[in-house]
Protein backbone atom coordinates (compact mmCIF):
# COMPACT_ATOMS: atom_id res chain seq x y z
CA MET A 1 81.40 -36.02 -113.92
CA SER A 2 81.78 -35.92 -117.69
CA LYS A 3 84.18 -33.60 -119.45
CA SER A 4 81.26 -31.61 -120.82
CA GLN A 5 79.90 -30.87 -117.36
CA THR A 6 80.88 -28.42 -114.65
CA GLU A 7 80.33 -29.05 -110.95
CA ASP A 8 77.04 -27.12 -110.91
CA GLY A 9 75.62 -29.13 -113.79
CA THR A 10 75.91 -26.48 -116.50
CA SER A 11 77.75 -27.10 -119.74
CA SER A 12 81.50 -26.72 -119.87
CA PRO A 13 83.31 -24.44 -122.33
CA GLN A 14 84.19 -27.54 -124.45
CA GLU A 15 81.21 -27.08 -126.76
CA LEU A 16 81.12 -27.14 -130.53
CA LEU A 17 80.88 -23.80 -132.27
CA LEU A 18 77.92 -23.51 -134.64
CA GLY A 19 79.19 -21.18 -137.33
CA PRO A 20 75.91 -19.99 -138.88
CA LEU A 21 74.50 -19.14 -135.44
CA ASN A 22 77.70 -17.74 -133.99
CA SER A 23 76.73 -19.68 -130.89
CA ARG A 24 78.02 -22.63 -128.95
CA LYS A 25 75.99 -25.82 -128.80
CA ASN A 26 74.79 -26.95 -125.37
CA GLN A 27 75.73 -30.62 -125.53
CA ASP A 28 73.23 -31.79 -122.92
CA LEU A 29 70.27 -30.06 -124.53
CA TRP A 30 70.93 -30.57 -128.23
CA TYR A 31 68.59 -33.17 -129.68
CA ALA A 32 69.17 -34.32 -133.25
CA ASP A 33 65.42 -34.62 -133.78
CA GLY A 34 64.71 -31.26 -132.15
CA SER A 35 62.39 -28.91 -134.03
CA VAL A 36 63.47 -25.49 -132.71
CA VAL A 37 66.76 -23.86 -131.71
CA LEU A 38 66.65 -21.52 -128.73
CA VAL A 39 69.56 -19.11 -128.34
CA ALA A 40 70.39 -17.32 -125.09
CA ASP A 41 73.49 -15.17 -124.88
CA THR A 42 75.77 -17.17 -127.20
CA THR A 43 74.53 -20.65 -126.30
CA ALA A 44 72.17 -22.67 -128.50
CA PHE A 45 69.71 -25.37 -127.39
CA ARG A 46 67.97 -27.66 -129.90
CA VAL A 47 64.76 -28.88 -128.38
CA HIS A 48 61.20 -29.83 -129.33
CA THR A 49 58.31 -27.43 -129.83
CA SER A 50 55.92 -30.18 -128.69
CA VAL A 51 57.73 -30.61 -125.37
CA LEU A 52 57.89 -26.87 -124.80
CA ALA A 53 54.20 -26.48 -125.66
CA GLN A 54 53.24 -29.29 -123.28
CA ASN A 55 54.98 -27.61 -120.35
CA CYS A 56 54.70 -23.86 -121.07
CA ASP A 57 51.57 -21.96 -122.02
CA VAL A 58 53.61 -19.30 -123.81
CA PHE A 59 55.26 -21.84 -126.11
CA ARG A 60 51.94 -23.27 -127.26
CA ASP A 61 51.85 -20.46 -129.77
CA MET A 62 55.34 -20.02 -131.20
CA ASP A 63 54.36 -16.55 -132.39
CA ALA A 64 53.97 -15.54 -128.76
CA ILE A 65 57.63 -16.16 -127.90
CA PRO A 66 59.32 -12.82 -127.15
CA LYS A 67 61.27 -11.65 -130.21
CA PRO A 68 62.98 -8.35 -129.41
CA ASP A 69 63.94 -6.12 -132.33
CA ALA A 70 67.62 -6.41 -131.47
CA VAL A 71 67.92 -10.15 -132.14
CA GLY A 72 68.41 -9.81 -135.89
CA ASP A 73 66.76 -11.90 -138.60
CA LEU A 74 63.59 -13.41 -137.17
CA GLU A 75 63.41 -15.80 -140.15
CA GLU A 76 66.79 -17.38 -139.26
CA THR A 77 66.89 -21.17 -139.39
CA TYR A 78 69.43 -23.90 -138.63
CA GLU A 79 69.19 -27.25 -140.36
CA GLY A 80 65.55 -26.49 -141.12
CA CYS A 81 64.71 -25.52 -137.51
CA PRO A 82 63.51 -22.01 -136.66
CA VAL A 83 65.96 -20.12 -134.45
CA ILE A 84 64.46 -18.14 -131.59
CA ASN A 85 66.67 -15.62 -129.81
CA LEU A 86 65.69 -15.13 -126.18
CA GLN A 87 66.69 -12.43 -123.71
CA ASP A 88 67.35 -14.91 -120.93
CA SER A 89 70.73 -15.85 -119.54
CA ALA A 90 72.16 -19.08 -120.94
CA THR A 91 72.49 -20.52 -117.43
CA ASP A 92 68.86 -19.74 -116.56
CA LEU A 93 67.64 -21.30 -119.78
CA GLU A 94 69.79 -24.39 -119.28
CA TYR A 95 68.44 -24.98 -115.78
CA PHE A 96 64.88 -24.39 -116.98
CA LEU A 97 65.17 -26.80 -119.92
CA LYS A 98 66.84 -29.44 -117.73
CA ALA A 99 63.93 -29.20 -115.32
CA ILE A 100 61.63 -29.99 -118.26
CA TYR A 101 63.72 -32.68 -119.95
CA LYS A 102 65.67 -34.41 -117.19
CA PHE A 103 63.55 -36.04 -114.51
CA SER A 104 66.31 -36.31 -111.90
CA PHE A 105 67.47 -32.69 -112.21
CA PHE A 106 64.68 -30.93 -110.32
CA ARG A 107 62.65 -33.32 -108.20
CA PRO A 108 60.34 -32.71 -105.25
CA ASN A 109 61.86 -33.54 -101.87
CA LYS A 110 65.40 -33.44 -103.27
CA LYS A 111 67.70 -30.60 -102.23
CA SER A 112 68.54 -28.02 -104.88
CA LYS A 113 70.77 -24.93 -104.84
CA PHE A 114 69.36 -21.42 -105.00
CA PRO A 115 70.65 -20.51 -108.51
CA VAL A 116 68.82 -23.53 -109.92
CA VAL A 117 65.54 -22.82 -108.13
CA ALA A 118 65.74 -19.10 -108.92
CA ALA A 119 66.35 -19.71 -112.63
CA ILE A 120 63.47 -22.16 -112.86
CA LEU A 121 61.15 -19.80 -110.99
CA ARG A 122 62.08 -16.82 -113.18
CA LEU A 123 61.55 -18.65 -116.46
CA SER A 124 58.54 -20.69 -115.35
CA THR A 125 56.93 -17.37 -114.42
CA LYS A 126 57.92 -15.74 -117.71
CA TYR A 127 56.87 -18.66 -119.93
CA MET A 128 53.91 -19.72 -117.79
CA ALA A 129 55.17 -23.20 -116.93
CA ASN A 130 52.73 -23.41 -114.06
CA ASP A 131 53.63 -26.82 -112.66
CA LEU A 132 57.32 -25.95 -112.51
CA ARG A 133 56.51 -22.60 -110.95
CA ARG A 134 54.53 -24.22 -108.16
CA GLN A 135 57.35 -26.71 -107.60
CA ALA A 136 59.94 -23.92 -107.38
CA ILE A 137 57.78 -21.99 -104.91
CA GLN A 138 57.50 -25.16 -102.82
CA PHE A 139 61.29 -25.29 -102.61
CA LEU A 140 61.36 -21.70 -101.34
CA THR A 141 58.71 -22.42 -98.72
CA THR A 142 60.83 -25.18 -97.20
CA ALA A 143 63.38 -22.48 -96.38
CA PHE A 144 60.85 -19.80 -95.42
CA PRO A 145 57.59 -21.62 -94.63
CA PRO A 146 54.32 -19.80 -93.96
CA ASP A 147 53.36 -22.38 -91.33
CA TYR A 148 54.50 -21.75 -87.76
CA ASP A 149 55.19 -25.40 -86.92
CA ALA A 150 57.17 -25.84 -90.15
CA TRP A 151 59.21 -22.73 -89.32
CA SER A 152 60.31 -24.18 -85.99
CA LYS A 153 61.96 -27.16 -87.73
CA ARG A 154 62.96 -25.56 -91.04
CA ASN A 155 66.69 -26.00 -90.44
CA GLU A 156 66.19 -29.76 -90.59
CA THR A 157 63.65 -29.87 -93.44
CA ARG A 158 64.65 -27.10 -95.85
CA LEU A 159 65.42 -28.27 -99.40
CA LEU A 160 67.16 -25.00 -100.23
CA PRO A 161 70.46 -24.93 -98.30
CA TYR A 162 71.46 -21.70 -96.59
CA PHE A 163 73.89 -19.51 -98.50
CA VAL A 164 75.67 -16.21 -97.86
CA GLY A 165 73.62 -13.30 -99.20
CA GLU A 166 70.36 -15.19 -98.83
CA THR A 167 68.29 -12.21 -97.68
CA ALA A 168 69.09 -9.98 -100.66
CA ALA A 169 68.83 -12.85 -103.15
CA MET A 170 65.42 -13.96 -101.87
CA ILE A 171 63.96 -10.46 -101.84
CA THR A 172 65.25 -9.77 -105.36
CA LEU A 173 63.79 -13.04 -106.64
CA CYS A 174 60.43 -12.28 -105.05
CA GLN A 175 60.38 -8.89 -106.73
CA GLN A 176 61.27 -10.43 -110.10
CA THR A 177 58.62 -13.13 -109.96
CA GLY A 178 55.81 -11.61 -107.89
CA ILE A 179 56.15 -14.19 -105.10
CA ARG A 180 55.13 -12.92 -101.66
CA VAL A 181 54.35 -15.97 -99.52
CA VAL A 182 57.98 -16.34 -98.40
CA LEU A 183 58.61 -12.65 -97.70
CA PRO A 184 57.31 -12.60 -94.09
CA GLY A 185 59.74 -15.40 -93.22
CA VAL A 186 62.60 -13.68 -95.04
CA TYR A 187 61.91 -10.46 -93.15
CA TYR A 188 61.51 -12.29 -89.84
CA ALA A 189 64.88 -14.04 -90.19
CA ALA A 190 66.49 -10.74 -91.22
CA ALA A 191 64.93 -8.96 -88.23
CA LYS A 192 66.89 -11.24 -85.91
CA ARG A 193 70.19 -10.08 -87.39
CA PRO A 194 72.03 -6.80 -86.62
CA LEU A 195 70.25 -3.98 -88.41
CA SER A 196 73.43 -2.61 -89.96
CA ASP A 197 74.18 -5.97 -91.59
CA VAL A 198 70.67 -6.25 -93.02
CA LEU A 199 70.75 -2.70 -94.39
CA ASP A 200 74.01 -3.51 -96.16
CA ASP A 201 72.23 -6.46 -97.76
CA LEU A 202 69.22 -4.38 -98.75
CA ARG A 203 71.40 -1.70 -100.31
CA SER A 204 72.94 -4.41 -102.49
CA LEU A 205 69.59 -5.49 -103.96
CA ASP A 206 69.68 -5.82 -107.73
CA LEU A 207 66.68 -3.49 -108.06
CA ASP A 208 66.05 0.14 -108.95
CA ASP A 209 66.71 2.76 -106.26
CA THR A 210 63.05 3.57 -105.65
CA THR A 211 62.17 -0.07 -105.03
CA LYS A 212 65.19 -0.56 -102.77
CA GLN A 213 64.23 2.48 -100.71
CA ASP A 214 60.66 1.24 -100.37
CA ILE A 215 61.85 -2.20 -99.24
CA CYS A 216 64.29 -0.69 -96.72
CA SER A 217 61.59 1.55 -95.24
CA LYS A 218 59.06 -1.27 -94.93
CA PHE A 219 61.64 -3.57 -93.37
CA ILE A 220 62.78 -1.04 -90.76
CA LEU A 221 59.18 -0.21 -89.82
CA GLY A 222 58.20 -3.89 -89.74
CA ARG A 223 61.23 -4.80 -87.67
CA GLU A 224 60.25 -2.25 -85.02
CA ARG A 225 56.62 -3.39 -85.07
CA LEU A 226 57.81 -6.96 -84.56
CA ARG A 227 60.05 -5.97 -81.65
CA GLN A 228 57.21 -4.11 -79.94
CA ALA A 229 54.78 -6.99 -80.51
CA GLU A 230 57.24 -9.47 -79.02
CA ILE A 231 57.94 -7.34 -75.96
CA LYS A 232 54.24 -6.74 -75.36
CA SER A 233 53.08 -10.32 -75.95
CA ILE A 234 55.97 -12.49 -74.80
CA LEU A 235 56.73 -10.55 -71.63
CA SER A 236 53.14 -9.96 -70.55
CA PHE A 237 53.59 -12.60 -67.85
CA PHE A 238 55.29 -9.83 -65.84
CA GLU A 239 52.07 -7.80 -65.73
CA PRO A 240 50.22 -7.81 -62.38
CA THR A 241 47.04 -8.90 -64.15
CA PHE A 242 48.65 -12.03 -65.63
CA THR A 243 46.78 -15.10 -64.32
CA ARG A 244 48.71 -17.90 -62.59
CA ALA A 245 45.78 -19.93 -61.32
CA THR A 246 47.82 -22.94 -60.15
CA CYS A 247 50.58 -21.00 -58.34
CA GLN A 248 51.91 -22.90 -55.33
CA SER A 249 53.96 -20.12 -53.76
CA GLY A 250 53.06 -16.86 -52.15
CA ASN A 251 56.41 -15.38 -53.17
CA ASP A 252 56.09 -15.70 -56.96
CA THR A 253 54.35 -12.36 -57.48
CA ALA A 254 57.18 -10.60 -55.68
CA SER A 255 59.79 -12.53 -57.68
CA LEU A 256 58.14 -11.48 -60.94
CA GLN A 257 57.92 -7.85 -59.85
CA ARG A 258 61.60 -7.80 -58.84
CA TYR A 259 62.73 -9.27 -62.16
CA ALA A 260 60.45 -7.16 -64.37
CA GLY A 261 62.75 -4.13 -64.33
CA THR A 262 65.78 -6.23 -65.26
CA ALA A 263 63.83 -7.87 -68.05
CA LEU A 264 62.83 -4.51 -69.50
CA VAL A 265 66.44 -3.32 -69.54
CA ARG A 266 67.55 -6.54 -71.21
CA THR A 267 65.15 -6.03 -74.12
CA ALA A 268 67.86 -3.76 -75.53
CA ASP A 269 70.64 -6.38 -75.21
CA PRO A 270 72.43 -7.74 -78.30
CA GLU A 271 70.32 -10.84 -77.66
CA PRO A 272 67.10 -9.18 -76.46
CA TYR A 273 65.50 -10.78 -73.43
CA GLN A 274 62.27 -11.51 -75.31
CA ASP A 275 64.30 -13.44 -77.92
CA TRP A 276 65.97 -15.47 -75.19
CA CYS A 277 62.53 -16.24 -73.72
CA MET A 278 61.26 -17.40 -77.12
CA SER A 279 64.27 -19.68 -77.55
CA ASN A 280 64.15 -21.04 -73.99
CA PRO A 281 60.52 -20.95 -72.80
CA ALA A 282 60.98 -23.90 -70.44
CA LEU A 283 63.82 -22.12 -68.58
CA VAL A 284 62.26 -18.70 -68.08
CA GLY A 285 60.35 -19.46 -64.87
CA THR A 286 63.31 -21.31 -63.38
CA PHE A 287 65.60 -18.31 -63.84
CA ILE A 288 63.02 -16.01 -62.23
CA ASN A 289 62.74 -18.51 -59.34
CA VAL A 290 58.99 -19.14 -59.42
CA CYS A 291 57.24 -22.38 -58.49
CA ALA A 292 57.03 -25.40 -60.82
CA ASN A 293 53.40 -24.71 -61.74
CA CYS A 294 54.18 -21.09 -62.62
CA CYS A 295 57.14 -22.27 -64.71
CA VAL A 296 54.75 -24.37 -66.80
CA THR A 297 52.21 -21.54 -67.00
CA ILE A 298 54.87 -19.11 -68.25
CA GLU A 299 56.20 -21.66 -70.74
CA MET A 300 52.73 -22.28 -72.18
CA HIS A 301 52.08 -18.53 -72.34
CA ILE A 302 55.29 -17.90 -74.30
CA GLU A 303 54.54 -20.71 -76.75
CA GLY A 304 51.06 -19.33 -77.35
CA ALA A 305 52.37 -15.79 -77.75
CA LYS A 306 54.94 -16.94 -80.33
CA ARG A 307 52.22 -18.61 -82.37
CA ASN A 308 50.01 -15.51 -82.15
CA ILE A 309 52.82 -13.22 -83.30
CA TRP A 310 53.48 -15.53 -86.24
CA SER A 311 49.85 -15.23 -87.30
CA GLN A 312 50.28 -11.44 -87.38
CA LEU A 313 53.69 -11.48 -89.05
CA PRO A 314 52.74 -10.53 -92.64
CA GLY A 315 50.78 -7.48 -91.48
CA LEU A 316 53.72 -6.25 -89.41
CA PHE A 317 55.68 -5.91 -92.66
CA GLY A 318 52.83 -4.41 -94.66
CA LEU A 319 51.75 -7.63 -96.40
CA PRO A 320 48.33 -9.35 -96.65
CA ASP A 321 47.55 -12.09 -94.16
CA TRP A 322 48.83 -15.64 -94.52
CA ASP A 323 45.66 -17.01 -96.15
CA ILE A 324 45.82 -14.45 -98.95
CA LEU A 325 49.54 -15.01 -99.51
CA ARG A 326 49.07 -18.78 -99.67
CA ALA A 327 46.17 -18.45 -102.10
CA GLU A 328 47.88 -16.07 -104.50
CA ASP A 329 51.06 -18.22 -104.67
CA GLU A 330 49.12 -21.52 -104.65
CA VAL A 331 50.71 -22.89 -101.48
CA ASP A 332 48.74 -25.52 -99.60
CA GLU A 333 48.03 -25.29 -95.90
């Protein structure tokens, strides 16, 4: 690692002070032949209008770049380059520009940390860098995929490593950027945690109070809808009308009836019985002591019920169905 780099890839404090700009030069993103100087916070980046225009719709017309009244002299220049003051954080802008300029920094199928992906998503949304935006969304969907089969193996395939505070950070990012395709998965994962812990996370959202209250209400309602759907669908093999066409034992119906009451009580356990069934479908029949054929029937039923609940998941949390979410965020099947 060079002396001008920190461990997370951002510039170190050892940057040269640019007197006329009262800003520090970002060494990694300061090109001598650059044609524009972007300033965020007190960090300056000298880059190329042609490169920005090629990647970002907003930068195709330099007059369209946000120029808030508070930035000072809009005619400011540095070594003949126009200076554009932006209201982005220096770290966000650095990550965003590195994603544009440095091929190895933000590549498909290569793991990346949340602050990097979040910064790129925020600024690609703001400046309409559509290819980068789609790539950032793809990173998020490896952690919270819309596809049921992908969800079952996401711990092995996610490109966005887990981090403490993930729930609140993901929801905040979705609110900032208008992304919704990952929200059902975020809510589903949160619903499997203790409610008090999740509510603490939701109260810490970096959003206005009205939005936080709305999110909390929708989550609590969706969590209960999910619980009821799982109890009703997963445990329906206890119902007298449940078909076990290949049953080999005359005692299995009685075994199921005896265990049904215990199962209902256990739905209120710290690990609810329906959750245990979803995690261990091949063991459920064995623990109830039914025949081998009924064990397979129950296992297949649980697997099918899990898939069916997943198809309903967005609606449980007040969101459009999966097809609409995929289409609006441009996520392939």
